[in-house]
Amino acid sequence: MDATSRVVLWGQFGGAIDMLVNEFDPSGVMPDRIYAKDELLAYLEHGRHLARTRIAALDAETAVRRCDYGYKDVTHLESLLSNMRRVQHHTAQLNLLLRQATDSAPGWVTTSRSTLHGE
C-alpha cells in the first residue's frame, strides 16, 4: 500500500474514533416531519445507486484527484470513506434508538448483499 493510501485510511479510522466524542443534539432538534417507510427506502436506494456508480468508476487517478467542497479539500477516496463512516455513524445511532425503545435492532451486516454492478 502506498503512503497516500495509508494516510487516507488512518484519517478515516482516526476520524471514526474522534466521532466517539459526539453526542446527540442536546437541544433535541428533530426533523420537520416523520418520513414514510417507502420514502426512506427510496432514499436509501438512490444513495446506493450514487455510491455504486461512483465506486465503479473509481480508478487510481480519480481516487487521488482533489475534490474541493468549499469547506473541505479532500481526495475522492477520502470523500467516499468519509461518507461511508457517516452512514455507519447514523446507522449506529438508529440502532441505539431502536434498542432503547424496543430492546431490538438489526444485526451486523459484514458485506453488501448486492454486487458492485447491482446484481
Protein backbone atom coordinates (compact mmCIF):
# COMPACT_ATOMS: atom_id res chain seq x y z
CA MET A 1 0.00 0.00 0.00
CA ASP A 2 1.41 3.41 -0.89
CA ALA A 3 1.95 6.18 1.67
CA THR A 4 -1.01 8.25 0.42
CA SER A 5 -3.41 5.33 0.87
CA ARG A 6 -2.13 4.72 4.41
CA VAL A 7 -2.63 8.40 5.30
CA VAL A 8 -6.18 8.35 3.87
CA LEU A 9 -7.02 5.11 5.66
CA TRP A 10 -5.76 6.40 9.02
CA GLY A 11 -7.58 9.69 8.51
CA GLN A 12 -10.83 7.76 8.26
CA PHE A 13 -10.16 5.37 11.16
CA GLY A 14 -8.92 8.24 13.31
CA GLY A 15 -11.99 10.26 12.36
CA ALA A 16 -14.23 7.35 13.35
CA ILE A 17 -12.54 7.24 16.74
CA ASP A 18 -12.91 11.02 17.10
CA MET A 19 -16.66 10.68 16.45
CA LEU A 20 -16.96 8.91 19.80
CA VAL A 21 -16.91 12.32 21.47
CA ASN A 22 -20.02 13.40 19.52
CA GLU A 23 -23.40 13.19 21.21
CA PHE A 24 -27.00 13.61 20.18
CA ASP A 25 -28.03 17.24 19.82
CA PRO A 26 -28.79 18.23 23.44
CA SER A 27 -31.42 20.71 22.27
CA GLY A 28 -33.48 17.82 20.90
CA VAL A 29 -33.58 19.03 17.27
CA MET A 30 -35.85 16.75 15.24
CA PRO A 31 -36.85 16.61 11.56
CA ASP A 32 -39.78 18.77 10.42
CA ARG A 33 -41.85 15.65 9.80
CA ILE A 34 -41.79 11.86 10.06
CA TYR A 35 -40.81 10.20 6.80
CA ALA A 36 -42.79 7.24 5.46
CA LYS A 37 -41.08 3.87 5.10
CA ASP A 38 -41.35 3.97 1.29
CA GLU A 39 -39.72 7.43 1.24
CA LEU A 40 -36.81 6.17 3.33
CA LEU A 41 -36.37 3.05 1.21
CA ALA A 42 -36.39 5.13 -2.00
CA TYR A 43 -33.81 7.50 -0.47
CA LEU A 44 -31.60 4.56 0.51
CA GLU A 45 -31.82 3.08 -2.98
CA HIS A 46 -30.94 6.45 -4.51
CA GLY A 47 -27.88 6.71 -2.24
CA ARG A 48 -26.88 3.12 -3.03
CA HIS A 49 -27.09 3.88 -6.76
CA LEU A 50 -24.96 7.03 -6.44
CA ALA A 51 -22.33 5.26 -4.32
CA ARG A 52 -22.22 2.22 -6.61
CA THR A 53 -21.83 4.41 -9.71
CA ARG A 54 -19.05 6.48 -8.15
CA ILE A 55 -17.15 3.48 -6.77
CA ALA A 56 -17.44 1.51 -10.02
CA ALA A 57 -15.90 4.44 -11.93
CA LEU A 58 -13.05 4.90 -9.42
CA ASP A 59 -9.55 4.32 -10.74
CA ALA A 60 -6.08 5.14 -9.37
CA GLU A 61 -6.07 8.60 -10.95
CA THR A 62 -9.58 9.54 -9.82
CA ALA A 63 -9.00 8.22 -6.28
CA VAL A 64 -6.29 10.81 -5.60
CA ARG A 65 -7.90 13.70 -7.52
CA ARG A 66 -8.77 16.60 -5.23
CA CYS A 67 -12.41 17.24 -4.51
CA ASP A 68 -12.97 20.73 -3.06
CA TYR A 69 -16.32 21.08 -1.32
CA GLY A 70 -15.61 24.65 -0.28
CA TYR A 71 -15.41 23.80 3.42
CA LYS A 72 -13.01 20.88 2.97
CA ASP A 73 -10.47 19.86 0.32
CA VAL A 74 -10.10 16.06 0.16
CA THR A 75 -9.43 13.35 -2.41
CA HIS A 76 -12.28 11.39 -3.97
CA LEU A 77 -11.16 8.34 -1.97
CA GLU A 78 -11.24 10.33 1.29
CA SER A 79 -14.70 11.61 0.39
CA LEU A 80 -16.02 8.09 -0.19
CA LEU A 81 -14.53 6.78 3.05
CA SER A 82 -15.85 9.76 4.99
CA ASN A 83 -19.34 9.20 3.60
CA MET A 84 -19.12 5.51 4.49
CA ARG A 85 -18.24 6.47 8.07
CA ARG A 86 -21.14 8.91 8.17
CA VAL A 87 -23.57 6.17 7.08
CA GLN A 88 -22.14 3.81 9.71
CA HIS A 89 -22.43 6.50 12.38
CA HIS A 90 -26.08 7.23 11.59
CA THR A 91 -26.87 3.52 11.40
CA ALA A 92 -25.38 3.09 14.87
CA GLN A 93 -27.47 6.00 16.15
CA LEU A 94 -30.64 4.43 14.75
CA ASN A 95 -29.72 1.04 16.23
CA LEU A 96 -29.18 2.69 19.62
CA LEU A 97 -32.62 4.31 19.46
CA LEU A 98 -34.23 1.02 18.41
CA ARG A 99 -32.54 -0.87 21.24
CA GLN A 100 -33.60 1.77 23.77
CA ALA A 101 -37.19 1.80 22.53
CA THR A 102 -37.77 -1.86 21.64
CA ASP A 103 -34.79 -3.81 23.02
CA SER A 104 -34.20 -4.99 19.45
CA ALA A 105 -32.16 -3.81 16.46
CA PRO A 106 -30.88 -5.27 13.18
CA GLY A 107 -27.79 -7.46 13.32
CA TRP A 108 -24.37 -6.60 11.91
CA VAL A 109 -24.04 -6.83 8.11
CA THR A 110 -20.49 -7.77 7.09
CA THR A 111 -20.83 -7.04 3.37
CA SER A 112 -23.37 -5.81 0.86
CA ARG A 113 -25.98 -8.27 -0.33
CA SER A 114 -25.63 -6.85 -3.84
CA THR A 115 -22.52 -6.66 -6.01
CA LEU A 116 -20.83 -3.51 -7.19
CA HIS A 117 -22.60 -3.88 -10.54
CA GLY A 118 -26.05 -4.27 -8.99
CA GLU A 119 -26.77 -7.98 -9.18
